[in-house]
Amino acid sequence: MSEAEILVSGATGRTGGAAVDELLRLGKSVRAYVRSDDERAAALRSRGVDIAVGDFTDIDQIRAAMEGIQSAYFLYPIAPGIIGAAAYFAQAAKEAGVSAIVNMSQISARRESASHAAQDHWISERVFDWSGVPTTHLRPTFFADWLAYPHFAGDIWAAKTISFPFENGRHAPIASDDQGRVIAHILANPKGHEGKIYPLHGPVEMNYTEIAAIVSDVLGTKIEYAPSSIEAFKNKMENLFKFPPFLVQHLVEVAQNYRDGIFAGTNDVVERITGTPALSVRQFVSNNRAAFV
């Protein structure tokens, strides 16, 4: 492998991809940990990114990917297996002498969570802490990207309606690009971030009625917020989108968390760490207009 200094898992996804972009901009040597050497990996390689192929079920693959690495980003999907994956990642990092880990968690991560995924994220945080490898935990609120996900954006445009089960709850949407920049800056300069837990919020807290008004203004067409019941949302995830049961259970529980204020709040962590303010909802929708229309 090359003399890469920073390892990024999930490098073909949203936060990992944004982290790679920012690390390359910062002049860092990056290795991507990917599940397959496909066209997305080839695109990264063409930009000078080293490629290590493997998954989180094989500690030897992870250990090989860690060779020569100074700092590493851990990202696991909302799926069973994160606790074992975190243990393998932490052990491999410890063996390789990695000096810093950035762990992507979630704002609802806590011991008492009714969401199996959120509870598993909390336990995974503790695994990294036990490992002794200095780790920074990131806990983002709901992504602004929810609005632009293919599952939702098409519905929003077709029905001219945002239909989520969040009642009048509030949050400050954060873009995955901003999260990627935070990840990159901590990986590039971890000093002072060791052991920290950073909730990640966008710049303005709002409810979905206010979000719908901004989407309407940017897209030039009236978009309304019509909150659904949690049960209707659950049926849609199961029967229309065919999401796996583990993910559905998580989304149902965090919908209630959202109503209860778990996702609320705002802060300036993005700007403090990266030097650039987080994107507003207006900027995000404008940048991603094509996803809707």
Protein backbone atom coordinates (compact mmCIF):
# COMPACT_ATOMS: atom_id res chain seq x y z
CA MET A 1 0.00 0.00 0.00
CA SER A 2 0.96 3.64 -0.36
CA GLU A 3 2.16 5.86 2.47
CA ALA A 4 -1.35 7.03 3.29
CA GLU A 5 -1.72 8.68 6.71
CA ILE A 6 -5.51 8.80 7.08
CA LEU A 7 -8.02 5.95 6.65
CA VAL A 8 -11.61 6.71 5.70
CA SER A 9 -14.28 4.02 5.81
CA GLY A 10 -17.52 4.68 3.96
CA ALA A 11 -15.48 6.69 1.46
CA THR A 12 -18.00 6.13 -1.34
CA GLY A 13 -20.88 7.41 0.81
CA ARG A 14 -22.01 10.88 1.81
CA THR A 15 -20.03 11.77 4.92
CA GLY A 16 -17.01 9.65 4.02
CA GLY A 17 -16.93 11.02 0.48
CA ALA A 18 -17.14 14.59 1.75
CA ALA A 19 -14.34 13.84 4.23
CA VAL A 20 -12.13 12.52 1.42
CA ASP A 21 -12.79 15.67 -0.63
CA GLU A 22 -11.78 17.93 2.24
CA LEU A 23 -8.73 15.85 3.18
CA LEU A 24 -7.45 16.00 -0.38
CA ARG A 25 -8.05 19.76 -0.38
CA LEU A 26 -5.96 19.92 2.80
CA GLY A 27 -3.16 18.04 1.04
CA LYS A 28 -3.47 14.85 3.07
CA SER A 29 -2.66 11.34 1.86
CA VAL A 30 -5.80 9.23 2.12
CA ARG A 31 -6.63 5.53 2.08
CA ALA A 32 -10.24 4.50 1.50
CA TYR A 33 -11.59 1.32 3.10
CA VAL A 34 -14.21 -0.01 0.67
CA ARG A 35 -16.22 -3.21 0.36
CA SER A 36 -15.49 -3.74 -3.34
CA ASP A 37 -13.03 -2.45 -5.90
CA ASP A 38 -15.72 -1.11 -8.21
CA GLU A 39 -16.11 1.98 -10.38
CA ARG A 40 -16.53 4.19 -7.30
CA ALA A 41 -13.24 2.92 -5.91
CA ALA A 42 -11.64 3.47 -9.31
CA ALA A 43 -12.84 7.07 -9.26
CA LEU A 44 -11.19 7.57 -5.88
CA ARG A 45 -7.99 5.93 -7.09
CA SER A 46 -7.88 8.28 -10.07
CA ARG A 47 -7.77 11.17 -7.59
CA GLY A 48 -4.76 9.72 -5.78
CA VAL A 49 -6.62 7.89 -3.01
CA ASP A 50 -5.16 4.55 -1.95
CA ILE A 51 -7.72 1.73 -1.89
CA ALA A 52 -8.00 -1.02 0.72
CA VAL A 53 -10.73 -3.60 0.16
CA GLY A 54 -12.49 -5.37 3.01
CA ASP A 55 -15.41 -5.25 5.40
CA PHE A 56 -15.99 -4.99 9.13
CA THR A 57 -16.34 -8.74 9.72
CA ASP A 58 -12.65 -9.55 9.11
CA ILE A 59 -10.19 -8.07 11.59
CA ASP A 60 -7.22 -9.06 9.44
CA GLN A 61 -8.55 -7.02 6.53
CA ILE A 62 -9.10 -4.05 8.81
CA ARG A 63 -5.65 -4.45 10.36
CA ALA A 64 -4.02 -4.51 6.93
CA ALA A 65 -5.88 -1.34 5.96
CA MET A 66 -4.58 0.35 9.15
CA GLU A 67 -0.91 -0.19 8.30
CA GLY A 68 0.95 3.12 8.51
CA ILE A 69 -2.22 5.04 9.37
CA GLN A 70 -2.21 7.92 11.87
CA SER A 71 -5.94 8.60 12.15
CA ALA A 72 -9.06 6.73 10.99
CA TYR A 73 -12.76 7.37 10.43
CA PHE A 74 -15.29 4.72 11.46
CA LEU A 75 -18.71 4.66 9.85
CA TYR A 76 -21.20 1.82 10.08
CA PRO A 77 -24.69 1.74 8.52
CA ILE A 78 -27.93 1.53 10.49
CA ALA A 79 -27.77 -2.27 10.54
CA PRO A 80 -26.97 -5.07 12.99
CA GLY A 81 -23.31 -5.71 13.73
CA ILE A 82 -21.93 -2.32 14.71
CA ILE A 83 -20.68 -3.41 18.14
CA GLY A 84 -18.52 -6.19 16.72
CA ALA A 85 -17.36 -3.93 13.90
CA ALA A 86 -16.34 -1.23 16.39
CA ALA A 87 -14.42 -3.77 18.46
CA TYR A 88 -12.55 -5.06 15.39
CA PHE A 89 -11.82 -1.51 14.20
CA ALA A 90 -10.58 -0.39 17.62
CA GLN A 91 -8.39 -3.47 18.10
CA ALA A 92 -6.88 -3.15 14.63
CA ALA A 93 -6.19 0.53 15.25
CA LYS A 94 -4.56 -0.26 18.58
CA GLU A 95 -2.32 -2.91 17.02
CA ALA A 96 -1.31 -0.56 14.20
CA GLY A 97 -0.48 2.33 16.52
CA VAL A 98 -3.21 4.60 15.17
CA SER A 99 -3.27 7.78 17.25
CA ALA A 100 -6.85 8.97 16.67
CA ILE A 101 -10.28 7.69 15.62
CA VAL A 102 -13.31 9.69 14.56
CA ASN A 103 -16.49 7.71 15.19
CA MET A 104 -19.77 8.58 13.50
CA SER A 105 -22.52 8.04 16.07
CA GLN A 106 -25.96 9.68 16.22
CA ILE A 107 -27.69 12.26 18.40
CA SER A 108 -30.13 9.69 19.78
CA ALA A 109 -27.32 7.38 20.97
CA ARG A 110 -27.92 6.62 24.64
CA ARG A 111 -28.13 3.63 26.93
CA GLU A 112 -31.86 3.88 27.52
CA SER A 113 -32.85 4.30 23.87
CA ALA A 114 -35.74 2.15 22.63
CA SER A 115 -34.06 2.09 19.21
CA HIS A 116 -31.78 -0.94 18.97
CA ALA A 117 -29.55 0.95 16.53
CA ALA A 118 -29.23 4.02 18.75
CA GLN A 119 -28.44 1.88 21.79
CA ASP A 120 -25.87 -0.06 19.76
CA HIS A 121 -24.25 3.22 18.69
CA TRP A 122 -23.97 4.23 22.35
CA ILE A 123 -22.37 0.90 23.27
CA SER A 124 -20.00 1.23 20.29
CA GLU A 125 -18.89 4.60 21.63
CA ARG A 126 -18.02 2.91 24.90
CA VAL A 127 -16.08 0.17 23.04
CA PHE A 128 -13.89 2.83 21.43
CA ASP A 129 -13.42 4.53 24.79
CA TRP A 130 -12.38 1.25 26.44
CA SER A 131 -9.86 0.57 23.66
CA GLY A 132 -7.59 3.37 24.80
CA VAL A 133 -7.24 4.71 21.23
CA PRO A 134 -8.18 8.42 21.50
CA THR A 135 -11.61 8.73 19.87
CA THR A 136 -13.86 11.65 18.97
CA HIS A 137 -17.56 10.81 18.77
CA LEU A 138 -19.80 12.77 16.39
CA ARG A 139 -23.54 12.85 17.10
CA PRO A 140 -25.38 14.56 14.25
CA THR A 141 -29.02 15.53 14.31
CA PHE A 142 -31.16 14.65 11.27
CA PHE A 143 -29.33 15.28 8.03
CA ALA A 144 -30.53 18.02 5.68
CA ASP A 145 -29.91 15.29 3.09
CA TRP A 146 -33.12 13.58 4.19
CA LEU A 147 -34.91 16.10 2.01
CA ALA A 148 -32.88 15.07 -1.05
CA TYR A 149 -32.77 11.29 -0.55
CA PRO A 150 -34.26 9.54 -3.60
CA HIS A 151 -36.82 7.82 -1.37
CA PHE A 152 -38.20 11.17 -0.20
CA ALA A 153 -37.32 13.86 -2.76
CA GLY A 154 -39.43 12.32 -5.53
CA ASP A 155 -42.42 12.11 -3.19
CA ILE A 156 -41.95 15.71 -2.08
CA TRP A 157 -41.93 16.99 -5.67
CA ALA A 158 -44.75 14.74 -6.91
CA ALA A 159 -47.12 15.43 -4.01
CA LYS A 160 -45.84 18.95 -3.29
CA THR A 161 -45.86 17.78 0.30
CA ILE A 162 -43.34 16.88 2.98
CA SER A 163 -44.89 14.08 5.00
CA PHE A 164 -42.82 13.04 8.01
CA PRO A 165 -44.16 11.88 11.40
CA PHE A 166 -42.50 14.65 13.39
CA GLU A 167 -45.50 16.78 14.38
CA ASN A 168 -44.21 20.22 15.40
CA GLY A 169 -40.80 19.03 16.61
CA ARG A 170 -37.73 21.06 15.75
CA HIS A 171 -34.13 20.51 14.68
CA ALA A 172 -31.34 22.36 12.87
CA PRO A 173 -30.69 20.24 9.75
CA ILE A 174 -27.03 19.52 9.05
CA ALA A 175 -25.65 18.69 5.62
CA SER A 176 -23.46 15.63 5.12
CA ASP A 177 -20.91 17.89 3.40
CA ASP A 178 -20.50 19.85 6.63
CA GLN A 179 -20.13 16.64 8.60
CA GLY A 180 -17.48 15.50 6.14
CA ARG A 181 -15.54 18.69 6.69
CA VAL A 182 -15.67 18.22 10.46
CA ILE A 183 -14.48 14.63 10.09
CA ALA A 184 -11.60 15.69 7.84
CA HIS A 185 -10.37 18.49 10.08
CA ILE A 186 -10.37 16.30 13.19
CA LEU A 187 -8.59 13.49 11.32
CA ALA A 188 -6.02 15.94 10.00
CA ASN A 189 -5.45 17.60 13.37
CA PRO A 190 -6.88 15.49 16.22
CA LYS A 191 -5.07 17.30 19.04
CA GLY A 192 -7.62 18.70 21.49
CA HIS A 193 -10.49 16.60 20.19
CA GLU A 194 -9.56 13.38 21.97
CA GLY A 195 -12.37 11.95 24.07
CA LYS A 196 -14.83 14.63 23.01
CA ILE A 197 -18.47 14.04 22.05
CA TYR A 198 -19.68 16.62 19.55
CA PRO A 199 -23.38 17.01 18.78
CA LEU A 200 -23.58 18.33 15.21
CA HIS A 201 -26.31 20.78 14.24
CA GLY A 202 -26.97 23.13 11.40
CA PRO A 203 -27.14 26.91 11.97
CA VAL A 204 -30.90 27.39 12.48
CA GLU A 205 -33.40 25.30 14.44
CA MET A 206 -36.81 25.03 12.76
CA ASN A 207 -39.86 22.83 12.37
CA TYR A 208 -40.95 21.21 9.11
CA THR A 209 -43.53 23.88 8.39
CA GLU A 210 -40.67 26.37 8.29
CA ILE A 211 -38.50 23.96 6.29
CA ALA A 212 -41.32 23.47 3.76
CA ALA A 213 -41.61 27.24 3.34
CA ILE A 214 -37.91 27.47 2.48
CA VAL A 215 -38.11 24.53 0.06
CA SER A 216 -41.11 26.22 -1.59
CA ASP A 217 -39.25 29.49 -1.99
CA VAL A 218 -36.12 27.89 -3.47
CA LEU A 219 -37.97 25.54 -5.84
CA GLY A 220 -40.52 28.15 -6.86
CA THR A 221 -43.53 25.98 -6.11
CA LYS A 222 -45.73 25.56 -3.06
CA ILE A 223 -44.58 22.69 -0.81
CA GLU A 224 -46.60 22.00 2.31
CA TYR A 225 -45.81 20.05 5.45
CA ALA A 226 -48.48 17.45 6.18
CA PRO A 227 -47.30 15.45 9.21
CA SER A 228 -48.14 11.77 9.09
CA SER A 229 -48.73 9.41 11.97
CA ILE A 230 -45.85 7.25 13.11
CA GLU A 231 -47.87 4.16 12.14
CA ALA A 232 -48.41 5.44 8.57
CA PHE A 233 -44.70 6.25 8.35
CA LYS A 234 -43.87 2.73 9.55
CA ASN A 235 -46.15 1.17 6.94
CA LYS A 236 -44.54 3.24 4.22
CA MET A 237 -41.02 2.21 5.26
CA GLU A 238 -42.05 -1.46 5.34
CA ASN A 239 -44.33 -1.78 2.34
CA LEU A 240 -43.29 0.90 -0.13
CA PHE A 241 -39.57 1.37 0.50
CA LYS A 242 -39.00 -2.23 1.70
CA PHE A 243 -36.60 -1.13 4.42
CA PRO A 244 -35.22 -3.96 6.59
CA PRO A 245 -36.90 -4.48 10.00
CA PHE A 246 -33.88 -3.24 11.99
CA LEU A 247 -33.92 0.10 10.14
CA VAL A 248 -37.70 0.44 10.40
CA GLN A 249 -37.59 -0.15 14.16
CA HIS A 250 -34.94 2.56 14.47
CA LEU A 251 -36.83 5.09 12.35
CA VAL A 252 -40.05 4.52 14.26
CA GLU A 253 -38.35 5.09 17.61
CA VAL A 254 -36.42 8.18 16.50
CA ALA A 255 -39.63 9.67 15.10
CA GLN A 256 -40.92 9.65 18.67
CA ASN A 257 -37.54 10.95 19.87
CA TYR A 258 -37.87 13.83 17.42
CA ARG A 259 -41.32 14.70 18.78
CA ASP A 260 -39.83 14.58 22.29
CA GLY A 261 -37.07 17.08 21.43
CA ILE A 262 -34.07 14.73 21.30
CA PHE A 263 -33.03 16.12 17.91
CA ALA A 264 -33.51 19.80 18.80
CA GLY A 265 -30.82 22.40 19.36
CA THR A 266 -28.17 24.20 17.42
CA ASN A 267 -24.49 25.04 17.85
CA ASP A 268 -21.43 26.35 16.03
CA VAL A 269 -19.30 23.19 16.16
CA VAL A 270 -18.96 23.03 12.36
CA GLU A 271 -17.62 26.58 12.17
CA ARG A 272 -15.36 26.22 15.21
CA ILE A 273 -13.70 23.08 13.88
CA THR A 274 -13.56 23.87 10.16
CA GLY A 275 -13.49 27.67 10.06
CA THR A 276 -16.53 27.74 7.76
CA PRO A 277 -20.17 28.06 8.88
CA ALA A 278 -22.56 25.16 8.33
CA LEU A 279 -24.91 25.29 5.35
CA SER A 280 -28.40 26.63 5.90
CA VAL A 281 -31.43 24.72 4.65
CA ARG A 282 -31.84 27.34 1.94
CA GLN A 283 -28.25 26.82 0.74
CA PHE A 284 -28.63 23.05 0.88
CA VAL A 285 -31.85 22.94 -1.15
CA SER A 286 -30.40 25.39 -3.67
CA ASN A 287 -27.24 23.28 -4.05
CA ASN A 288 -29.32 20.11 -4.47
CA ARG A 289 -32.17 21.48 -6.58
CA ALA A 290 -31.71 18.75 -9.20
CA ALA A 291 -32.60 16.07 -6.64
CA PHE A 292 -36.13 17.46 -6.41
CA VAL A 293 -37.02 18.56 -9.94
